Amino acid sequence: MSDQAAAPSVPAPDLDLRLVRYFTVVADQRHFGRAAEALHITQPSLSRQIRRLEQVLGARLLDRTPQGARLTEAGEVFLPRAKALLRSAAQAASLTRAAARPDRITVGYTAGLIVTPAVRRLRDRHPDADVRTLHLRYDDARAALLDHRVDAVVTRFPLAADRLSVTVLYDEPRVLVVPLDHRLAGKESVTLDDIADEPLPRIRRSDPVWSAFWRIDPRPDGRPAPDGPLVDAVEDKFEVIAAGEAVAITAGVRGHGFRPDLTTVPLEGVEPSHVVLATRAEGNGQLVADFRKLARTHLAAPVPA
């Protein structure tokens, strides 16, 4: 037996994944109030949960500031590991379910896009499979894939493609949304010069790359796109357009279902919108492979009216 005593082992902290997720939301939002709203809990409750996590870890993770919340040095170290831990847990759960139910797939889709033709054919080809669909927010497609909430997503660019496999299905022209009494309503087409001074709404906490693409900001001449009202949701955006406070750029989808007091005008001289199919780059089964083939064949650009 060695004369040197073995060093005592230090037990790993018993981390509650729910508390870890709460921390990542506060860290991303940099604000307890906004994080509590996103998590659908009260701010005092969220503060207590973060303190519990800090006690387990033995380190302060966040400092409150007049502007909101700031990561401490320990928080900066913990954040990427916390996100990796949550991804690993989600993947473990998903792969376990997939092993138990290899005949199950969830197909996600974002606003204005139709997956029904490919989904119906997948069900016909695999009558015993559990084929589900899930509507996603425009900015949730990538996270839903990496969190294993869905196995495939039909959405629009821009979409960060790392750790994903992305295929362009078709292009859509971009159009201008205006109220019926707008000076440009009824025109055959417009250009960016026609809307050089028209304010465009900004969606609060929107992805900057997504916002830049759909606002065409900056413009080709380097000028910033004029800022319109700050809104929280797409429905709010249409409300401020109908009220005459702004115009907006969107995909030219046939049967778009906008409000009856709004209309669209083709926007010339700009890059079209790209509709894509995205899946995880690794770990996909036969159902995902078959859906990918069917999507390429049966999810084509809508026929113009």
Protein backbone atom coordinates (compact mmCIF):
# COMPACT_ATOMS: atom_id res chain seq x y z
CA MET A 1 0.00 0.00 0.00
CA SER A 2 1.31 3.43 -0.91
CA ASP A 3 2.51 5.64 1.93
CA GLN A 4 0.85 8.55 0.13
CA ALA A 5 -2.85 8.83 0.89
CA ALA A 6 -5.11 8.97 -2.11
CA ALA A 7 -6.53 12.41 -2.81
CA PRO A 8 -10.21 12.58 -1.84
CA SER A 9 -12.56 12.66 -4.81
CA VAL A 10 -14.71 15.75 -5.20
CA PRO A 11 -18.34 14.87 -5.98
CA ALA A 12 -19.72 16.44 -9.14
CA PRO A 13 -22.44 19.03 -8.52
CA ASP A 14 -25.99 17.75 -8.97
CA LEU A 15 -27.10 20.10 -11.77
CA ASP A 16 -30.80 20.62 -12.45
CA LEU A 17 -31.10 21.03 -16.23
CA ARG A 18 -34.14 23.28 -15.77
CA LEU A 19 -32.01 25.75 -13.81
CA VAL A 20 -29.25 25.50 -16.39
CA ARG A 21 -31.74 26.39 -19.12
CA TYR A 22 -33.03 29.35 -17.09
CA PHE A 23 -29.46 30.63 -16.78
CA THR A 24 -28.84 30.40 -20.55
CA VAL A 25 -32.00 32.39 -21.28
CA VAL A 26 -31.01 35.16 -18.86
CA ALA A 27 -27.48 35.15 -20.29
CA ASP A 28 -28.81 35.47 -23.85
CA GLN A 29 -31.38 38.15 -22.99
CA ARG A 30 -29.02 40.03 -20.62
CA HIS A 31 -32.16 40.97 -18.69
CA PHE A 32 -34.10 39.14 -15.95
CA GLY A 33 -37.45 40.68 -16.91
CA ARG A 34 -37.25 39.72 -20.58
CA ALA A 35 -35.95 36.26 -19.68
CA ALA A 36 -38.82 35.70 -17.23
CA GLU A 37 -41.29 36.72 -19.94
CA ALA A 38 -39.71 34.31 -22.44
CA LEU A 39 -39.78 31.49 -19.87
CA HIS A 40 -43.37 32.29 -18.79
CA ILE A 41 -42.44 32.58 -15.10
CA THR A 42 -42.31 35.52 -12.71
CA GLN A 43 -39.13 37.56 -12.34
CA PRO A 44 -38.79 36.87 -8.56
CA SER A 45 -39.11 33.14 -9.20
CA LEU A 46 -36.46 33.31 -11.92
CA SER A 47 -34.10 35.20 -9.60
CA ARG A 48 -34.54 32.49 -6.94
CA GLN A 49 -33.81 29.72 -9.45
CA ILE A 50 -30.61 31.44 -10.60
CA ARG A 51 -29.49 31.83 -6.98
CA ARG A 52 -30.09 28.09 -6.44
CA LEU A 53 -27.90 27.29 -9.44
CA GLU A 54 -25.17 29.61 -8.18
CA GLN A 55 -25.28 27.91 -4.78
CA VAL A 56 -24.90 24.48 -6.37
CA LEU A 57 -21.95 25.67 -8.45
CA GLY A 58 -20.41 27.73 -5.68
CA ALA A 59 -19.96 30.72 -7.97
CA ARG A 60 -21.85 33.91 -8.87
CA LEU A 61 -22.84 33.75 -12.54
CA LEU A 62 -24.65 37.04 -13.12
CA ASP A 63 -24.41 40.61 -11.86
CA ARG A 64 -27.40 42.93 -12.03
CA THR A 65 -26.77 46.28 -13.73
CA PRO A 66 -28.95 49.34 -14.41
CA GLN A 67 -29.30 48.04 -17.98
CA GLY A 68 -30.20 44.46 -16.98
CA ALA A 69 -27.78 41.62 -16.23
CA ARG A 70 -24.11 40.96 -16.98
CA LEU A 71 -22.18 37.70 -16.95
CA THR A 72 -19.46 37.41 -14.35
CA GLU A 73 -16.15 35.81 -15.28
CA ALA A 74 -17.48 32.53 -13.91
CA GLY A 75 -20.67 33.01 -15.92
CA GLU A 76 -18.67 33.53 -19.12
CA VAL A 77 -16.90 30.23 -18.47
CA PHE A 78 -20.11 28.36 -17.62
CA LEU A 79 -22.33 29.64 -20.48
CA PRO A 80 -20.90 27.69 -23.45
CA ARG A 81 -20.67 24.57 -21.29
CA ALA A 82 -24.24 25.04 -20.11
CA LYS A 83 -25.47 25.26 -23.70
CA ALA A 84 -23.43 22.18 -24.64
CA LEU A 85 -24.92 20.34 -21.66
CA LEU A 86 -28.47 21.19 -22.73
CA ARG A 87 -27.76 20.14 -26.33
CA SER A 88 -26.26 16.88 -25.12
CA ALA A 89 -29.26 16.18 -22.89
CA ALA A 90 -31.71 16.93 -25.72
CA GLN A 91 -29.77 14.72 -28.11
CA ALA A 92 -29.58 11.89 -25.57
CA ALA A 93 -33.34 12.02 -25.05
CA SER A 94 -34.04 12.24 -28.80
CA LEU A 95 -31.71 9.37 -29.72
CA THR A 96 -33.16 7.24 -26.96
CA ARG A 97 -36.69 7.89 -28.21
CA ALA A 98 -35.56 7.22 -31.77
CA ALA A 99 -34.04 3.89 -30.72
CA ALA A 100 -37.32 2.95 -29.08
CA ARG A 101 -39.41 4.41 -31.93
CA PRO A 102 -37.34 4.42 -35.16
CA ASP A 103 -40.57 4.95 -37.11
CA ARG A 104 -41.23 8.48 -35.87
CA ILE A 105 -40.46 11.87 -37.48
CA THR A 106 -41.49 15.46 -36.80
CA VAL A 107 -41.43 17.91 -39.71
CA GLY A 108 -41.27 21.60 -38.85
CA TYR A 109 -42.35 24.50 -41.04
CA THR A 110 -42.47 28.27 -40.72
CA ALA A 111 -45.10 30.84 -41.72
CA GLY A 112 -46.45 30.79 -45.26
CA LEU A 113 -44.87 27.45 -46.22
CA ILE A 114 -46.71 24.21 -46.99
CA VAL A 115 -45.26 20.75 -46.30
CA THR A 116 -48.47 18.75 -46.80
CA PRO A 117 -47.70 17.16 -50.23
CA ALA A 118 -44.43 15.63 -49.02
CA VAL A 119 -45.84 14.67 -45.62
CA ARG A 120 -48.81 12.86 -47.18
CA ARG A 121 -46.56 10.88 -49.48
CA LEU A 122 -44.27 10.00 -46.59
CA ARG A 123 -47.27 8.65 -44.68
CA ASP A 124 -48.33 6.67 -47.75
CA ARG A 125 -44.83 5.20 -48.07
CA HIS A 126 -44.55 4.43 -44.33
CA PRO A 127 -48.14 3.69 -43.18
CA ASP A 128 -46.98 2.44 -39.76
CA ALA A 129 -44.77 5.45 -39.04
CA ASP A 130 -45.71 8.27 -36.68
CA VAL A 131 -45.34 11.33 -38.96
CA ARG A 132 -45.99 14.63 -37.21
CA THR A 133 -45.80 18.31 -38.19
CA LEU A 134 -45.00 21.35 -36.03
CA HIS A 135 -45.36 25.04 -36.85
CA LEU A 136 -42.31 27.09 -35.77
CA ARG A 137 -41.53 30.76 -35.40
CA TYR A 138 -39.43 32.12 -38.26
CA ASP A 139 -36.41 32.43 -35.93
CA ASP A 140 -36.77 29.02 -34.22
CA ALA A 141 -36.01 26.63 -37.08
CA ARG A 142 -32.32 26.07 -36.35
CA ALA A 143 -32.77 25.75 -32.58
CA ALA A 144 -35.67 23.30 -33.05
CA LEU A 145 -33.44 21.05 -35.16
CA LEU A 146 -30.45 21.15 -32.82
CA ASP A 147 -32.70 20.62 -29.79
CA HIS A 148 -34.25 17.59 -31.55
CA ARG A 149 -37.78 19.01 -31.31
CA VAL A 150 -38.05 18.43 -35.07
CA ASP A 151 -36.15 16.22 -37.51
CA ALA A 152 -36.58 18.33 -40.65
CA VAL A 153 -37.61 21.94 -41.26
CA VAL A 154 -38.93 23.76 -44.31
CA THR A 155 -38.11 27.44 -43.81
CA ARG A 156 -36.58 30.48 -45.51
CA PHE A 157 -33.07 31.83 -45.63
CA PRO A 158 -31.14 33.30 -43.96
CA LEU A 159 -30.33 30.25 -41.81
CA ALA A 160 -26.96 29.48 -40.21
CA ALA A 161 -25.97 26.17 -41.82
CA ASP A 162 -23.23 24.89 -39.51
CA ARG A 163 -24.12 21.43 -38.10
CA LEU A 164 -27.04 21.33 -40.55
CA SER A 165 -27.62 19.92 -44.01
CA VAL A 166 -29.46 22.55 -46.07
CA THR A 167 -31.01 22.20 -49.55
CA VAL A 168 -32.66 25.03 -51.51
CA LEU A 169 -36.08 23.84 -52.69
CA TYR A 170 -37.15 26.91 -54.68
CA ASP A 171 -37.01 30.71 -54.82
CA GLU A 172 -39.79 33.23 -54.22
CA PRO A 173 -39.78 36.86 -55.39
CA ARG A 174 -39.82 39.45 -52.64
CA VAL A 175 -42.68 41.91 -52.52
CA LEU A 176 -43.58 45.13 -50.74
CA VAL A 177 -46.52 45.08 -48.30
CA VAL A 178 -48.44 48.37 -48.16
CA PRO A 179 -51.90 49.56 -47.08
CA LEU A 180 -54.54 49.75 -49.80
CA ASP A 181 -54.45 53.57 -49.81
CA HIS A 182 -50.65 53.81 -50.08
CA ARG A 183 -49.20 55.84 -52.97
CA LEU A 184 -47.51 52.67 -54.36
CA ALA A 185 -50.53 50.35 -54.07
CA GLY A 186 -51.63 49.04 -57.47
CA LYS A 187 -48.32 49.64 -59.23
CA GLU A 188 -46.98 46.86 -61.47
CA SER A 189 -43.69 46.91 -59.53
CA VAL A 190 -41.45 49.12 -57.39
CA THR A 191 -37.73 49.40 -56.73
CA LEU A 192 -35.66 50.25 -53.67
CA ASP A 193 -35.44 53.83 -54.96
CA ASP A 194 -39.23 54.08 -54.66
CA ILE A 195 -39.08 53.22 -50.95
CA ALA A 196 -35.79 54.95 -50.09
CA ASP A 197 -37.49 57.04 -47.39
CA GLU A 198 -40.21 54.59 -46.33
CA PRO A 199 -39.75 53.34 -42.73
CA LEU A 200 -39.70 49.57 -42.21
CA PRO A 201 -40.79 47.99 -38.91
CA ARG A 202 -38.21 46.25 -36.70
CA ILE A 203 -39.11 43.11 -34.77
CA ARG A 204 -37.82 43.26 -31.22
CA ARG A 205 -35.04 40.74 -30.44
CA SER A 206 -34.95 39.64 -34.08
CA ASP A 207 -31.86 37.89 -35.42
CA PRO A 208 -29.66 40.65 -36.94
CA VAL A 209 -28.85 38.66 -40.09
CA TRP A 210 -32.53 37.86 -40.67
CA SER A 211 -33.52 41.47 -40.05
CA ALA A 212 -30.86 42.78 -42.45
CA PHE A 213 -32.03 40.46 -45.24
CA TRP A 214 -35.73 41.31 -44.97
CA ARG A 215 -35.17 45.04 -44.47
CA ILE A 216 -32.39 45.10 -47.13
CA ASP A 217 -30.24 46.93 -44.63
CA PRO A 218 -27.94 48.51 -45.66
CA ARG A 219 -29.11 49.37 -49.14
CA PRO A 220 -26.81 48.78 -52.15
CA ASP A 221 -25.60 52.37 -51.94
CA GLY A 222 -24.58 51.89 -48.30
CA ARG A 223 -27.45 53.88 -46.80
CA PRO A 224 -29.23 52.31 -43.82
CA ALA A 225 -32.83 51.24 -44.23
CA PRO A 226 -35.15 53.79 -42.56
CA ASP A 227 -36.26 52.60 -39.12
CA GLY A 228 -39.96 52.14 -38.52
CA PRO A 229 -41.84 51.18 -35.33
CA LEU A 230 -40.39 48.51 -33.04
CA VAL A 231 -42.83 45.58 -32.78
CA ASP A 232 -42.94 42.24 -30.96
CA ALA A 233 -44.62 39.97 -33.50
CA VAL A 234 -45.56 39.62 -37.16
CA GLU A 235 -49.17 40.51 -36.36
CA ASP A 236 -47.97 43.79 -34.83
CA LYS A 237 -45.97 44.47 -37.99
CA PHE A 238 -49.07 44.17 -40.16
CA GLU A 239 -50.98 46.44 -37.80
CA VAL A 240 -48.47 49.31 -38.12
CA ILE A 241 -48.42 48.83 -41.92
CA ALA A 242 -52.22 49.01 -42.11
CA ALA A 243 -52.10 52.14 -39.94
CA GLY A 244 -49.81 53.82 -42.48
CA GLU A 245 -46.78 53.96 -40.16
CA ALA A 246 -44.52 51.74 -42.27
CA VAL A 247 -44.17 49.37 -45.22
CA ALA A 248 -42.51 45.94 -45.18
CA ILE A 249 -40.69 43.51 -47.46
CA THR A 250 -41.80 39.88 -47.46
CA ALA A 251 -41.90 36.78 -49.65
CA GLY A 252 -44.32 36.88 -52.57
CA VAL A 253 -46.45 33.92 -51.59
CA ARG A 254 -49.62 33.21 -53.56
CA GLY A 255 -52.62 33.17 -51.26
CA HIS A 256 -50.57 34.94 -48.59
CA GLY A 257 -53.56 35.49 -46.30
CA PHE A 258 -52.62 39.04 -45.33
CA ARG A 259 -55.23 41.35 -43.90
CA PRO A 260 -57.83 42.64 -46.40
CA ASP A 261 -56.63 46.22 -45.84
CA LEU A 262 -53.13 45.33 -47.11
CA THR A 263 -51.80 44.57 -50.58
CA THR A 264 -48.49 43.60 -52.13
CA VAL A 265 -46.43 45.07 -54.97
CA PRO A 266 -43.57 43.17 -56.71
CA LEU A 267 -40.16 44.49 -55.62
CA GLU A 268 -37.73 44.53 -58.54
CA GLY A 269 -33.94 44.40 -58.50
CA VAL A 270 -33.49 42.49 -55.23
CA GLU A 271 -32.38 38.96 -54.42
CA PRO A 272 -35.33 36.56 -54.12
CA SER A 273 -36.29 34.68 -50.98
CA HIS A 274 -34.92 31.11 -50.80
CA VAL A 275 -37.12 28.32 -49.41
CA VAL A 276 -34.96 25.55 -47.96
CA LEU A 277 -35.16 22.13 -46.36
CA ALA A 278 -32.86 21.73 -43.35
CA THR A 279 -32.00 18.64 -41.32
CA ARG A 280 -29.29 17.85 -38.82
CA ALA A 281 -26.00 17.02 -40.50
CA GLU A 282 -25.65 13.73 -38.61
CA GLY A 283 -27.73 11.07 -36.89
CA ASN A 284 -30.71 10.96 -39.26
CA GLY A 285 -32.66 7.81 -40.04
CA GLN A 286 -34.48 6.43 -43.06
CA LEU A 287 -37.60 8.53 -42.52
CA VAL A 288 -35.59 11.76 -42.73
CA ALA A 289 -33.79 10.53 -45.85
CA ASP A 290 -37.10 9.66 -47.50
CA PHE A 291 -38.67 12.99 -46.53
CA ARG A 292 -35.70 14.82 -48.05
CA LYS A 293 -36.24 13.03 -51.38
CA LEU A 294 -39.99 13.67 -51.31
CA ALA A 295 -39.51 17.35 -50.44
CA ARG A 296 -37.26 17.87 -53.44
CA THR A 297 -39.91 16.35 -55.70
CA HIS A 298 -43.18 17.56 -54.20
CA LEU A 299 -42.42 20.87 -52.48
CA ALA A 300 -42.03 23.12 -55.47
CA ALA A 301 -42.63 26.84 -55.96
CA PRO A 302 -46.32 27.78 -55.96
CA VAL A 303 -47.78 28.33 -59.42
CA PRO A 304 -48.39 32.09 -59.96
CA ALA A 305 -52.03 33.09 -59.86
